[in-house]
C-alpha atoms as a PDB file:
ATOM      1  CA  THR A   1      98.741  99.379  90.550  1.00  0.00           C
ATOM      2  CA  ASP A   2      95.188 100.751  90.725  1.00  0.00           C
ATOM      3  CA  ILE A   3      95.804 102.394  94.085  1.00  0.00           C
ATOM      4  CA  PHE A   4      99.080 103.858  92.816  1.00  0.00           C
ATOM      5  CA  GLU A   5      97.354 105.390  89.783  1.00  0.00           C
ATOM      6  CA  LEU A   6      94.586 106.806  91.962  1.00  0.00           C
ATOM      7  CA  LEU A   7      97.060 108.378  94.381  1.00  0.00           C
ATOM      8  CA  HIS A   8      99.250 109.686  91.586  1.00  0.00           C
ATOM      9  CA  ARG A   9      96.313 111.456  89.919  1.00  0.00           C
ATOM     10  CA  ARG A  10      95.005 112.936  93.168  1.00  0.00           C
ATOM     11  CA  ARG A  11      98.393 114.018  94.572  1.00  0.00           C
ATOM     12  CA  LYS A  12      98.532 117.763  95.316  1.00  0.00           C
ATOM     13  CA  ARG A  13      95.058 118.184  93.766  1.00  0.00           C
ATOM     14  CA  SER A  14      92.594 116.790  96.266  1.00  0.00           C
ATOM     15  CA  SER A  15      92.305 115.152  99.655  1.00  0.00           C
ATOM     16  CA  THR A  16      92.087 111.417 100.160  1.00  0.00           C
ATOM     17  CA  ILE A  17      90.941 109.737 103.363  1.00  0.00           C
ATOM     18  CA  PHE A  18      92.178 106.273 104.272  1.00  0.00           C
ATOM     19  CA  CYS A  19      90.516 104.144 106.923  1.00  0.00           C
ATOM     20  CA  SER A  20      92.338 101.014 107.968  1.00  0.00           C
ATOM     21  CA  GLN A  21      92.279  98.300 110.573  1.00  0.00           C
ATOM     22  CA  TYR A  22      96.082  98.202 110.307  1.00  0.00           C
ATOM     23  CA  THR A  23      98.583 100.592 111.827  1.00  0.00           C
ATOM     24  CA  LYS A  24     100.463 102.690 109.299  1.00  0.00           C
ATOM     25  CA  GLU A  25     103.551 100.600 110.092  1.00  0.00           C
ATOM     26  CA  GLY A  26     101.649  97.509 108.916  1.00  0.00           C
ATOM     27  CA  TRP A  27     100.618  99.048 105.603  1.00  0.00           C
ATOM     28  CA  TYR A  28     103.930  98.250 103.896  1.00  0.00           C
ATOM     29  CA  GLU A  29     103.451  94.501 104.311  1.00  0.00           C
ATOM     30  CA  GLN A  30      99.786  94.752 103.321  1.00  0.00           C
ATOM     31  CA  LEU A  31     100.851  96.479 100.096  1.00  0.00           C
ATOM     32  CA  GLY A  32     103.193  93.613  99.242  1.00  0.00           C
ATOM     33  CA  GLY A  33     106.305  94.627 101.185  1.00  0.00           C
ATOM     34  CA  ASP A  34     109.663  93.967  99.547  1.00  0.00           C
ATOM     35  CA  ALA A  35     107.971  91.855  96.856  1.00  0.00           C
ATOM     36  CA  SER A  36     106.089  94.886  95.522  1.00  0.00           C
ATOM     37  CA  PRO A  37     108.003  97.517  93.561  1.00  0.00           C
ATOM     38  CA  LEU A  38     105.145  99.976  94.150  1.00  0.00           C
ATOM     39  CA  ALA A  39     104.814  99.602  97.945  1.00  0.00           C
ATOM     40  CA  ASP A  40     107.357 102.360  98.680  1.00  0.00           C
ATOM     41  CA  ALA A  41     105.884 104.702  96.075  1.00  0.00           C
ATOM     42  CA  ILE A  42     102.351 104.177  97.375  1.00  0.00           C
ATOM     43  CA  LEU A  43     103.365 104.797 100.985  1.00  0.00           C
ATOM     44  CA  ASP A  44     105.343 107.862  99.972  1.00  0.00           C
ATOM     45  CA  ARG A  45     102.218 109.354  98.427  1.00  0.00           C
ATOM     46  CA  ILE A  46     100.061 108.446 101.425  1.00  0.00           C
ATOM     47  CA  VAL A  47     102.396 109.496 104.236  1.00  0.00           C
ATOM     48  CA  HIS A  48     103.959 112.629 102.719  1.00  0.00           C
ATOM     49  CA  ASP A  49     102.047 115.694 103.973  1.00  0.00           C
ATOM     50  CA  GLY A  50      99.504 113.385 105.616  1.00  0.00           C
ATOM     51  CA  TYR A  51      97.722 113.578 108.938  1.00  0.00           C
ATOM     52  CA  VAL A  52      96.944 110.642 111.196  1.00  0.00           C
ATOM     53  CA  ILE A  53      93.788 110.662 113.287  1.00  0.00           C
ATOM     54  CA  ASN A  54      93.650 107.729 115.667  1.00  0.00           C
ATOM     55  CA  ILE A  55      90.186 106.759 116.782  1.00  0.00           C
ATOM     56  CA  VAL A  56      90.200 105.147 120.207  1.00  0.00           C
ATOM     57  CA  PRO A  57      88.056 102.039 120.564  1.00  0.00           C
ATOM     58  CA  ILE A  58      84.883 102.357 122.574  1.00  0.00           C
ATOM     59  CA  ASP A  59      84.315  99.882 125.374  1.00  0.00           C
ATOM     60  CA  PRO A  60      81.250  97.929 124.222  1.00  0.00           C
ATOM     61  CA  SER A  61      80.203  97.323 127.832  1.00  0.00           C
ATOM     62  CA  LYS A  62      79.560 101.061 128.191  1.00  0.00           C
ATOM     63  CA  ASP A  63      76.616 102.495 126.340  1.00  0.00           C
ATOM     64  CA  LEU A  64      78.374 105.576 124.906  1.00  0.00           C
ATOM     65  CA  SER A  65      77.920 107.268 121.574  1.00  0.00           C
ATOM     66  CA  MET A  66      80.796 108.676 119.514  1.00  0.00           C
ATOM     67  CA  ARG A  67      79.413 112.119 120.374  1.00  0.00           C
ATOM     68  CA  GLU A  68      79.826 111.442 124.078  1.00  0.00           C
ATOM     69  CA  VAL A  69      83.294 109.922 123.683  1.00  0.00           C
ATOM     70  CA  TYR A  70      84.640 112.856 121.662  1.00  0.00           C
ATOM     71  CA  GLY A  71      82.689 115.599 123.437  1.00  0.00           C
ATOM     72  CA  LEU A  72      80.589 116.665 120.460  1.00  0.00           C
ATOM     73  CA  SER A  73      77.218 118.323 120.797  1.00  0.00           C
ATOM     74  CA  GLU A  74      74.310 118.619 118.388  1.00  0.00           C
ATOM     75  CA  THR A  75      75.572 122.087 117.402  1.00  0.00           C
ATOM     76  CA  ASP A  76      78.865 120.577 116.151  1.00  0.00           C
ATOM     77  CA  ARG A  77      77.155 118.950 113.175  1.00  0.00           C
ATOM     78  CA  MET A  78      78.383 119.791 109.698  1.00  0.00           C
END
């Protein structure tokens, strides 16, 4: 219920970033699935008007930085 309250308060007011090792399809089960009355409500608040940014894994055998993988230069810093 804590995550539901957080999402409910932030909805339409501010951005929220979620990082997960699970695919968005796996979130439902992680939130309790059919056994949780809040799972649907939580996912509705996360997915509605949301954007998904998939980060591709980096091959550890190659010595590449995230900057090199995504084509960012020093001038692209925030």
